[in-house]
Amino acid sequence: MSASIDTPTRRATLSSLAADSSVLPYSVLRENLKFATEDELESFLIAAVYDGYIKGEIDPQNQQFYVHDFAVGKVDPAQLPEVANTLAQWIERAEQLITKMEANIDDSDRKLFERMNCERAVEEAIITNRDAARTAEVSDPPKVSASVDGPKEPKRLRSRGVLD
């Protein structure tokens, strides 16, 4: 294996490359990881996969490495402002999403409250009409007539709003 760059640095470089693309040509890997031969590169990739540092497929025929998943290595201190900026943007987007979700919940609650008030008004109207109908029955009782067959109650008229 080439001694021009140590394994942790190579792994960090591999993470950076994997973050940019899921298909890494051998030529790009050899150039960035500073390997002299394909055998050295493949041995490094096999070790990285075996160690659980990266998940992927080595394709020697097409001279490519297909990245499925990878572990993030150490962040270069020079990249910290960029990382902090990315995280700040993520936080801002998350806060905007939360604000929008809360507005949707408030709107939904308002509509539910309006529907409940409407239902309550309908129920009250039903009760009022039912009570009015009962009061009409009590204040205007049906007249009973007597005959040889016994008392008879006349049928109520539907036009008066009272049921049979």
N, C-alpha and C. Protein backbone atom coordinates (compact mmCIF):
# COMPACT_ATOMS: atom_id res chain seq x y z
N MET A 1 0.85 -1.17 0.00
CA MET A 1 0.00 0.00 0.00
C MET A 1 0.89 1.23 0.00
N SER A 2 0.47 2.26 -0.72
CA SER A 2 1.27 3.49 -0.79
C SER A 2 1.31 4.16 0.57
N ALA A 3 2.45 4.69 0.91
CA ALA A 3 2.62 5.31 2.22
C ALA A 3 2.46 6.82 2.18
N SER A 4 2.00 7.37 1.06
CA SER A 4 1.92 8.82 0.93
C SER A 4 0.78 9.44 1.73
N ILE A 5 -0.18 8.64 2.19
CA ILE A 5 -1.33 9.16 2.93
C ILE A 5 -1.79 8.07 3.91
N ASP A 6 -2.13 8.43 5.14
CA ASP A 6 -2.52 7.43 6.14
C ASP A 6 -3.98 6.99 5.97
N THR A 7 -4.32 5.86 6.59
CA THR A 7 -5.65 5.27 6.44
C THR A 7 -6.77 6.19 6.94
N PRO A 8 -6.67 6.82 8.12
CA PRO A 8 -7.76 7.70 8.55
C PRO A 8 -8.01 8.85 7.57
N THR A 9 -6.96 9.40 7.02
CA THR A 9 -7.12 10.48 6.04
C THR A 9 -7.78 9.95 4.78
N ARG A 10 -7.38 8.75 4.37
CA ARG A 10 -8.01 8.15 3.19
C ARG A 10 -9.49 7.88 3.44
N ARG A 11 -9.82 7.41 4.63
CA ARG A 11 -11.22 7.14 4.94
C ARG A 11 -12.04 8.44 4.95
N ALA A 12 -11.45 9.50 5.49
CA ALA A 12 -12.14 10.79 5.49
C ALA A 12 -12.35 11.28 4.06
N THR A 13 -11.34 11.09 3.23
CA THR A 13 -11.43 11.48 1.82
C THR A 13 -12.48 10.62 1.11
N LEU A 14 -12.50 9.33 1.41
CA LEU A 14 -13.50 8.43 0.82
C LEU A 14 -14.91 8.88 1.23
N SER A 15 -15.10 9.29 2.49
CA SER A 15 -16.40 9.79 2.95
C SER A 15 -16.81 11.03 2.15
N SER A 16 -15.88 11.93 1.96
CA SER A 16 -16.18 13.15 1.19
C SER A 16 -16.59 12.81 -0.23
N LEU A 17 -15.86 11.89 -0.85
CA LEU A 17 -16.19 11.48 -2.21
C LEU A 17 -17.55 10.78 -2.25
N ALA A 18 -17.82 9.92 -1.26
CA ALA A 18 -19.09 9.19 -1.21
C ALA A 18 -20.26 10.14 -0.96
N ALA A 19 -20.00 11.23 -0.24
CA ALA A 19 -21.06 12.21 0.00
C ALA A 19 -21.45 12.93 -1.28
N ASP A 20 -20.50 13.04 -2.21
CA ASP A 20 -20.76 13.75 -3.46
C ASP A 20 -21.35 12.87 -4.55
N SER A 21 -21.05 11.57 -4.51
CA SER A 21 -21.52 10.70 -5.58
C SER A 21 -21.65 9.27 -5.07
N SER A 22 -22.65 8.56 -5.59
CA SER A 22 -22.82 7.16 -5.17
C SER A 22 -22.10 6.20 -6.11
N VAL A 23 -21.55 6.71 -7.20
CA VAL A 23 -20.75 5.91 -8.12
C VAL A 23 -19.40 6.59 -8.24
N LEU A 24 -18.36 5.88 -7.79
CA LEU A 24 -17.01 6.45 -7.78
C LEU A 24 -16.10 5.66 -8.72
N PRO A 25 -15.67 6.29 -9.80
CA PRO A 25 -14.75 5.61 -10.72
C PRO A 25 -13.39 5.36 -10.03
N TYR A 26 -12.77 4.26 -10.39
CA TYR A 26 -11.45 3.94 -9.84
C TYR A 26 -10.47 5.09 -10.07
N SER A 27 -10.53 5.72 -11.23
CA SER A 27 -9.58 6.79 -11.54
C SER A 27 -9.70 7.92 -10.52
N VAL A 28 -10.92 8.28 -10.15
CA VAL A 28 -11.13 9.34 -9.15
C VAL A 28 -10.64 8.88 -7.78
N LEU A 29 -10.95 7.64 -7.43
CA LEU A 29 -10.52 7.12 -6.13
C LEU A 29 -8.99 7.04 -6.05
N ARG A 30 -8.36 6.51 -7.09
CA ARG A 30 -6.90 6.39 -7.07
C ARG A 30 -6.24 7.75 -6.97
N GLU A 31 -6.76 8.71 -7.70
CA GLU A 31 -6.18 10.05 -7.68
C GLU A 31 -6.34 10.72 -6.32
N ASN A 32 -7.53 10.65 -5.75
CA ASN A 32 -7.81 11.33 -4.48
C ASN A 32 -7.25 10.58 -3.27
N LEU A 33 -7.24 9.26 -3.34
CA LEU A 33 -6.73 8.47 -2.21
C LEU A 33 -5.24 8.16 -2.34
N LYS A 34 -4.65 8.54 -3.45
CA LYS A 34 -3.20 8.40 -3.68
C LYS A 34 -2.75 6.95 -3.67
N PHE A 35 -3.44 6.11 -4.45
CA PHE A 35 -3.02 4.73 -4.61
C PHE A 35 -2.31 4.58 -5.96
N ALA A 36 -1.24 3.82 -5.94
CA ALA A 36 -0.45 3.62 -7.16
C ALA A 36 -1.08 2.56 -8.07
N THR A 37 -1.74 1.55 -7.46
CA THR A 37 -2.29 0.46 -8.27
C THR A 37 -3.76 0.20 -7.92
N GLU A 38 -4.43 -0.46 -8.83
CA GLU A 38 -5.82 -0.85 -8.59
C GLU A 38 -5.91 -1.86 -7.45
N ASP A 39 -4.93 -2.75 -7.36
CA ASP A 39 -4.93 -3.75 -6.29
C ASP A 39 -4.90 -3.09 -4.92
N GLU A 40 -4.07 -2.04 -4.77
CA GLU A 40 -4.01 -1.31 -3.50
C GLU A 40 -5.36 -0.65 -3.19
N LEU A 41 -5.97 -0.05 -4.22
CA LEU A 41 -7.27 0.59 -4.05
C LEU A 41 -8.32 -0.43 -3.64
N GLU A 42 -8.38 -1.56 -4.34
CA GLU A 42 -9.37 -2.58 -4.02
C GLU A 42 -9.16 -3.15 -2.63
N SER A 43 -7.92 -3.35 -2.23
CA SER A 43 -7.63 -3.84 -0.88
C SER A 43 -8.12 -2.85 0.17
N PHE A 44 -7.90 -1.56 -0.08
CA PHE A 44 -8.37 -0.52 0.83
C PHE A 44 -9.90 -0.53 0.91
N LEU A 45 -10.57 -0.61 -0.26
CA LEU A 45 -12.04 -0.62 -0.28
C LEU A 45 -12.60 -1.85 0.43
N ILE A 46 -11.97 -3.00 0.22
CA ILE A 46 -12.42 -4.23 0.88
C ILE A 46 -12.28 -4.08 2.40
N ALA A 47 -11.16 -3.54 2.85
CA ALA A 47 -10.95 -3.33 4.29
C ALA A 47 -11.97 -2.34 4.85
N ALA A 48 -12.25 -1.28 4.09
CA ALA A 48 -13.23 -0.28 4.54
C ALA A 48 -14.62 -0.90 4.66
N VAL A 49 -14.98 -1.75 3.70
CA VAL A 49 -16.28 -2.43 3.75
C VAL A 49 -16.29 -3.43 4.90
N TYR A 50 -15.24 -4.20 5.04
CA TYR A 50 -15.14 -5.21 6.10
C TYR A 50 -15.22 -4.56 7.48
N ASP A 51 -14.58 -3.40 7.64
CA ASP A 51 -14.57 -2.69 8.93
C ASP A 51 -15.90 -1.98 9.20
N GLY A 52 -16.80 -1.98 8.23
CA GLY A 52 -18.09 -1.33 8.42
C GLY A 52 -18.06 0.17 8.21
N TYR A 53 -16.97 0.66 7.66
CA TYR A 53 -16.83 2.09 7.43
C TYR A 53 -17.68 2.56 6.26
N ILE A 54 -17.85 1.68 5.29
CA ILE A 54 -18.63 2.01 4.09
C ILE A 54 -19.32 0.74 3.61
N LYS A 55 -20.48 0.92 2.98
CA LYS A 55 -21.18 -0.20 2.37
C LYS A 55 -21.24 0.09 0.88
N GLY A 56 -20.87 -0.90 0.09
CA GLY A 56 -20.90 -0.69 -1.35
C GLY A 56 -20.44 -1.93 -2.10
N GLU A 57 -20.39 -1.77 -3.42
CA GLU A 57 -19.98 -2.87 -4.30
C GLU A 57 -18.76 -2.43 -5.11
N ILE A 58 -17.80 -3.32 -5.17
CA ILE A 58 -16.63 -3.10 -6.02
C ILE A 58 -16.93 -3.74 -7.37
N ASP A 59 -16.74 -2.98 -8.44
CA ASP A 59 -17.00 -3.48 -9.79
C ASP A 59 -15.70 -3.35 -10.60
N PRO A 60 -14.80 -4.36 -10.49
CA PRO A 60 -13.52 -4.27 -11.19
C PRO A 60 -13.67 -4.23 -12.71
N GLN A 61 -14.69 -4.88 -13.22
CA GLN A 61 -14.87 -4.92 -14.68
C GLN A 61 -15.14 -3.51 -15.23
N ASN A 62 -15.99 -2.74 -14.54
CA ASN A 62 -16.31 -1.38 -14.99
C ASN A 62 -15.46 -0.32 -14.29
N GLN A 63 -14.56 -0.80 -13.42
CA GLN A 63 -13.64 0.10 -12.71
C GLN A 63 -14.40 1.17 -11.92
N GLN A 64 -15.40 0.71 -11.12
CA GLN A 64 -16.19 1.62 -10.31
C GLN A 64 -16.48 1.03 -8.95
N PHE A 65 -16.73 1.92 -8.00
CA PHE A 65 -17.19 1.52 -6.68
C PHE A 65 -18.55 2.16 -6.45
N TYR A 66 -19.57 1.32 -6.17
CA TYR A 66 -20.93 1.79 -5.96
C TYR A 66 -21.17 1.93 -4.45
N VAL A 67 -21.43 3.13 -4.02
CA VAL A 67 -21.63 3.43 -2.59
C VAL A 67 -23.10 3.24 -2.23
N HIS A 68 -23.35 2.43 -1.18
CA HIS A 68 -24.71 2.25 -0.66
C HIS A 68 -24.91 3.07 0.60
N ASP A 69 -23.90 3.12 1.44
CA ASP A 69 -23.96 3.88 2.69
C ASP A 69 -22.54 4.06 3.19
N PHE A 70 -22.32 5.07 4.01
CA PHE A 70 -20.98 5.30 4.53
C PHE A 70 -21.04 6.00 5.87
N ALA A 71 -19.96 5.87 6.61
CA ALA A 71 -19.82 6.55 7.90
C ALA A 71 -19.12 7.88 7.66
N VAL A 72 -19.57 8.86 8.37
CA VAL A 72 -18.96 10.18 8.23
C VAL A 72 -17.70 10.22 9.09
N GLY A 73 -16.64 10.67 8.49
CA GLY A 73 -15.38 10.77 9.22
C GLY A 73 -15.27 12.07 9.99
N LYS A 74 -14.09 12.36 10.46
CA LYS A 74 -13.85 13.60 11.18
C LYS A 74 -13.99 14.78 10.24
N VAL A 75 -14.47 15.88 10.79
CA VAL A 75 -14.63 17.10 10.00
C VAL A 75 -13.37 17.93 10.14
N ASP A 76 -12.88 18.38 9.02
CA ASP A 76 -11.72 19.26 9.00
C ASP A 76 -12.13 20.57 9.65
N PRO A 77 -11.33 21.09 10.60
CA PRO A 77 -11.69 22.34 11.26
C PRO A 77 -11.94 23.50 10.29
N ALA A 78 -11.33 23.47 9.14
CA ALA A 78 -11.56 24.51 8.15
C ALA A 78 -12.97 24.42 7.57
N GLN A 79 -13.60 23.24 7.67
CA GLN A 79 -14.95 23.05 7.15
C GLN A 79 -16.03 23.35 8.20
N LEU A 80 -15.64 23.61 9.42
CA LEU A 80 -16.62 23.83 10.48
C LEU A 80 -17.58 24.98 10.18
N PRO A 81 -17.12 26.13 9.66
CA PRO A 81 -18.09 27.18 9.33
C PRO A 81 -19.13 26.73 8.30
N GLU A 82 -18.69 25.96 7.32
CA GLU A 82 -19.62 25.44 6.31
C GLU A 82 -20.61 24.47 6.94
N VAL A 83 -20.12 23.59 7.83
CA VAL A 83 -20.99 22.63 8.52
C VAL A 83 -21.98 23.39 9.40
N ALA A 84 -21.50 24.40 10.12
CA ALA A 84 -22.37 25.20 10.99
C ALA A 84 -23.43 25.92 10.16
N ASN A 85 -23.04 26.44 9.00
CA ASN A 85 -24.00 27.12 8.12
C ASN A 85 -25.06 26.15 7.61
N THR A 86 -24.64 24.95 7.23
CA THR A 86 -25.58 23.93 6.76
C THR A 86 -26.57 23.56 7.87
N LEU A 87 -26.05 23.39 9.07
CA LEU A 87 -26.93 23.06 10.20
C LEU A 87 -27.87 24.21 10.52
N ALA A 88 -27.39 25.45 10.43
CA ALA A 88 -28.25 26.61 10.69
C ALA A 88 -29.38 26.67 9.66
N GLN A 89 -29.06 26.37 8.40
CA GLN A 89 -30.09 26.36 7.35
C GLN A 89 -31.10 25.25 7.63
N TRP A 90 -30.61 24.11 8.07
CA TRP A 90 -31.51 23.00 8.39
C TRP A 90 -32.43 23.40 9.54
N ILE A 91 -31.87 24.03 10.56
CA ILE A 91 -32.69 24.46 11.70
C ILE A 91 -33.74 25.47 11.25
N GLU A 92 -33.35 26.40 10.39
CA GLU A 92 -34.30 27.40 9.89
C GLU A 92 -35.44 26.73 9.13
N ARG A 93 -35.10 25.77 8.26
CA ARG A 93 -36.15 25.06 7.51
C ARG A 93 -37.04 24.26 8.45
N ALA A 94 -36.45 23.64 9.45
CA ALA A 94 -37.25 22.86 10.42
C ALA A 94 -38.19 23.79 11.19
N GLU A 95 -37.70 24.96 11.58
CA GLU A 95 -38.55 25.91 12.31
C GLU A 95 -39.67 26.42 11.41
N GLN A 96 -39.39 26.66 10.14
CA GLN A 96 -40.43 27.08 9.20
C GLN A 96 -41.49 26.00 9.05
N LEU A 97 -41.04 24.76 8.98
CA LEU A 97 -41.98 23.64 8.87
C LEU A 97 -42.84 23.55 10.12
N ILE A 98 -42.23 23.69 11.28
CA ILE A 98 -42.99 23.63 12.53
C ILE A 98 -44.00 24.76 12.59
N THR A 99 -43.58 25.97 12.19
CA THR A 99 -44.49 27.12 12.19
C THR A 99 -45.68 26.85 11.26
N LYS A 100 -45.40 26.32 10.09
CA LYS A 100 -46.48 26.01 9.14
C LYS A 100 -47.41 24.94 9.70
N MET A 101 -46.83 23.91 10.32
CA MET A 101 -47.65 22.85 10.90
C MET A 101 -48.53 23.40 12.03
N GLU A 102 -47.97 24.27 12.86
CA GLU A 102 -48.75 24.87 13.95
C GLU A 102 -49.88 25.72 13.39
N ALA A 103 -49.62 26.47 12.30
CA ALA A 103 -50.67 27.27 11.67
C ALA A 103 -51.77 26.37 11.13
N ASN A 104 -51.39 25.24 10.52
CA ASN A 104 -52.39 24.29 10.02
C ASN A 104 -53.21 23.70 11.16
N ILE A 105 -52.56 23.41 12.27
CA ILE A 105 -53.27 22.87 13.43
C ILE A 105 -54.24 23.92 13.98
N ASP A 106 -53.78 25.18 14.09
CA ASP A 106 -54.65 26.26 14.57
C ASP A 106 -55.85 26.44 13.65
N ASP A 107 -55.63 26.39 12.34
CA ASP A 107 -56.72 26.52 11.38
C ASP A 107 -57.69 25.36 11.52
N SER A 108 -57.16 24.17 11.67
CA SER A 108 -58.00 22.99 11.85
C SER A 108 -58.81 23.10 13.14
N ASP A 109 -58.17 23.56 14.21
CA ASP A 109 -58.88 23.73 15.48
C ASP A 109 -60.00 24.76 15.35
N ARG A 110 -59.72 25.87 14.63
CA ARG A 110 -60.71 26.92 14.44
C ARG A 110 -61.91 26.37 13.67
N LYS A 111 -61.64 25.60 12.60
CA LYS A 111 -62.73 25.03 11.81
C LYS A 111 -63.53 24.01 12.63
N LEU A 112 -62.85 23.23 13.44
CA LEU A 112 -63.53 22.27 14.30
C LEU A 112 -64.43 23.00 15.30
N PHE A 113 -63.92 24.07 15.89
CA PHE A 113 -64.71 24.86 16.84
C PHE A 113 -65.96 25.42 16.16
N GLU A 114 -65.78 25.93 14.92
CA GLU A 114 -66.93 26.46 14.18
C GLU A 114 -67.96 25.37 13.91
N ARG A 115 -67.49 24.18 13.50
CA ARG A 115 -68.42 23.07 13.25
C ARG A 115 -69.14 22.64 14.51
N MET A 116 -68.40 22.62 15.62
CA MET A 116 -69.02 22.23 16.90
C MET A 116 -70.08 23.26 17.30
N ASN A 117 -69.80 24.55 17.10
CA ASN A 117 -70.78 25.58 17.41
C ASN A 117 -72.01 25.45 16.52
N CYS A 118 -71.78 25.13 15.26
CA CYS A 118 -72.88 24.93 14.32
C CYS A 118 -73.74 23.74 14.76
N GLU A 119 -73.09 22.65 15.12
CA GLU A 119 -73.82 21.46 15.60
C GLU A 119 -74.62 21.80 16.84
N ARG A 120 -74.00 22.54 17.76
CA ARG A 120 -74.68 22.92 18.99
C ARG A 120 -75.91 23.77 18.68
N ALA A 121 -75.80 24.70 17.71
CA ALA A 121 -76.93 25.54 17.33
C ALA A 121 -78.05 24.69 16.72
N VAL A 122 -77.69 23.72 15.90
CA VAL A 122 -78.70 22.83 15.30
C VAL A 122 -79.39 22.01 16.40
N GLU A 123 -78.61 21.47 17.33
CA GLU A 123 -79.18 20.68 18.43
C GLU A 123 -80.12 21.54 19.27
N GLU A 124 -79.73 22.79 19.54
CA GLU A 124 -80.58 23.68 20.32
C GLU A 124 -81.87 24.00 19.57
N ALA A 125 -81.77 24.18 18.25
CA ALA A 125 -82.96 24.45 17.45
C ALA A 125 -83.90 23.24 17.46
N ILE A 126 -83.32 22.06 17.40
CA ILE A 126 -84.13 20.84 17.45
C ILE A 126 -84.85 20.75 18.79
N ILE A 127 -84.14 21.01 19.87
CA ILE A 127 -84.74 20.95 21.21
C ILE A 127 -85.84 22.00 21.34
N THR A 128 -85.57 23.22 20.85
CA THR A 128 -86.56 24.29 20.91
C THR A 128 -87.81 23.92 20.13
N ASN A 129 -87.64 23.39 18.93
CA ASN A 129 -88.79 22.99 18.12
C ASN A 129 -89.55 21.83 18.75
N ARG A 130 -88.82 20.89 19.33
CA ARG A 130 -89.48 19.75 19.98
C ARG A 130 -90.27 20.23 21.19
N ASP A 131 -89.67 21.12 21.99
CA ASP A 131 -90.36 21.66 23.16
C ASP A 131 -91.59 22.47 22.74
N ALA A 132 -91.45 23.23 21.63
CA ALA A 132 -92.59 24.01 21.13
C ALA A 132 -93.71 23.08 20.70
N ALA A 133 -93.34 21.97 20.06
CA ALA A 133 -94.35 21.00 19.61
C ALA A 133 -95.04 20.37 20.82
N ARG A 134 -94.28 20.06 21.85
CA ARG A 134 -94.87 19.47 23.07
C ARG A 134 -95.78 20.48 23.76
N THR A 135 -95.38 21.72 23.80
CA THR A 135 -96.20 22.77 24.43
C THR A 135 -97.50 22.93 23.67
N ALA A 136 -97.43 22.87 22.35
CA ALA A 136 -98.64 22.98 21.53
C ALA A 136 -99.58 21.83 21.81
N GLU A 137 -99.06 20.64 22.03
CA GLU A 137 -99.89 19.48 22.33
C GLU A 137 -100.59 19.66 23.66
N VAL A 138 -99.87 20.17 24.66
CA VAL A 138 -100.43 20.33 26.00
C VAL A 138 -101.45 21.47 26.02
N SER A 139 -101.17 22.58 25.35
CA SER A 139 -102.11 23.71 25.39
C SER A 139 -103.33 23.48 24.51
N ASP A 140 -103.25 22.57 23.59
CA ASP A 140 -104.37 22.29 22.70
C ASP A 140 -104.62 20.79 22.70
N PRO A 141 -105.11 20.24 23.84
CA PRO A 141 -105.30 18.79 23.89
C PRO A 141 -106.40 18.37 22.92
N PRO A 142 -106.31 17.17 22.43
CA PRO A 142 -107.35 16.68 21.51
C PRO A 142 -108.69 16.55 22.23
N LYS A 143 -109.74 16.81 21.52
CA LYS A 143 -111.08 16.71 22.10
C LYS A 143 -111.53 15.27 22.00
N VAL A 144 -112.12 14.80 23.08
CA VAL A 144 -112.59 13.42 23.11
C VAL A 144 -114.11 13.45 22.96
N SER A 145 -114.60 12.62 22.08
CA SER A 145 -116.05 12.54 21.92
C SER A 145 -116.52 11.18 22.42
N ALA A 146 -117.69 11.16 22.91
CA ALA A 146 -118.22 9.91 23.45
C ALA A 146 -119.25 9.34 22.50
N SER A 147 -119.27 8.04 22.47
CA SER A 147 -120.27 7.36 21.66
C SER A 147 -120.63 6.07 22.36
N VAL A 148 -121.46 5.32 21.76
CA VAL A 148 -121.83 4.05 22.35
C VAL A 148 -120.66 3.09 22.39
N ASP A 149 -119.71 3.30 21.51
CA ASP A 149 -118.53 2.43 21.47
C ASP A 149 -117.46 2.90 22.46
N GLY A 150 -117.67 3.97 23.13
CA GLY A 150 -116.69 4.50 24.08
C GLY A 150 -116.06 5.77 23.54
N PRO A 151 -115.15 6.35 24.33
CA PRO A 151 -114.55 7.62 23.89
C PRO A 151 -113.68 7.43 22.66
N LYS A 152 -113.70 8.39 21.81
CA LYS A 152 -112.87 8.36 20.61
C LYS A 152 -112.08 9.65 20.56
N GLU A 153 -110.85 9.51 20.11
CA GLU A 153 -110.02 10.68 19.93
C GLU A 153 -109.95 10.98 18.44
N PRO A 154 -110.18 12.25 18.09
CA PRO A 154 -110.08 12.57 16.66
C PRO A 154 -108.62 12.55 16.20
N LYS A 155 -108.42 12.27 14.94
CA LYS A 155 -107.06 12.30 14.40
C LYS A 155 -106.63 13.74 14.30
N ARG A 156 -105.38 13.97 14.56
CA ARG A 156 -104.86 15.32 14.47
C ARG A 156 -104.53 15.63 13.02
N LEU A 157 -104.62 16.85 12.69
CA LEU A 157 -104.35 17.27 11.33
C LEU A 157 -102.86 17.55 11.16
N ARG A 158 -102.32 17.07 10.08
CA ARG A 158 -100.90 17.32 9.80
C ARG A 158 -100.68 18.79 9.49
N SER A 159 -101.66 19.47 8.98
CA SER A 159 -101.49 20.89 8.60
C SER A 159 -101.22 21.75 9.83
N ARG A 160 -101.60 21.25 11.00
CA ARG A 160 -101.35 22.00 12.23
C ARG A 160 -99.94 21.77 12.74
N GLY A 161 -99.15 20.92 12.07
CA GLY A 161 -97.78 20.69 12.48
C GLY A 161 -97.62 19.67 13.57
N VAL A 162 -98.69 18.93 13.85
CA VAL A 162 -98.62 17.92 14.90
C VAL A 162 -98.77 16.56 14.26
N LEU A 163 -97.97 15.63 14.69
CA LEU A 163 -97.99 14.29 14.10
C LEU A 163 -99.18 13.49 14.57
N ASP A 164 -99.57 12.46 13.81
CA ASP A 164 -100.67 11.56 14.19
C ASP A 164 -100.31 10.82 15.43
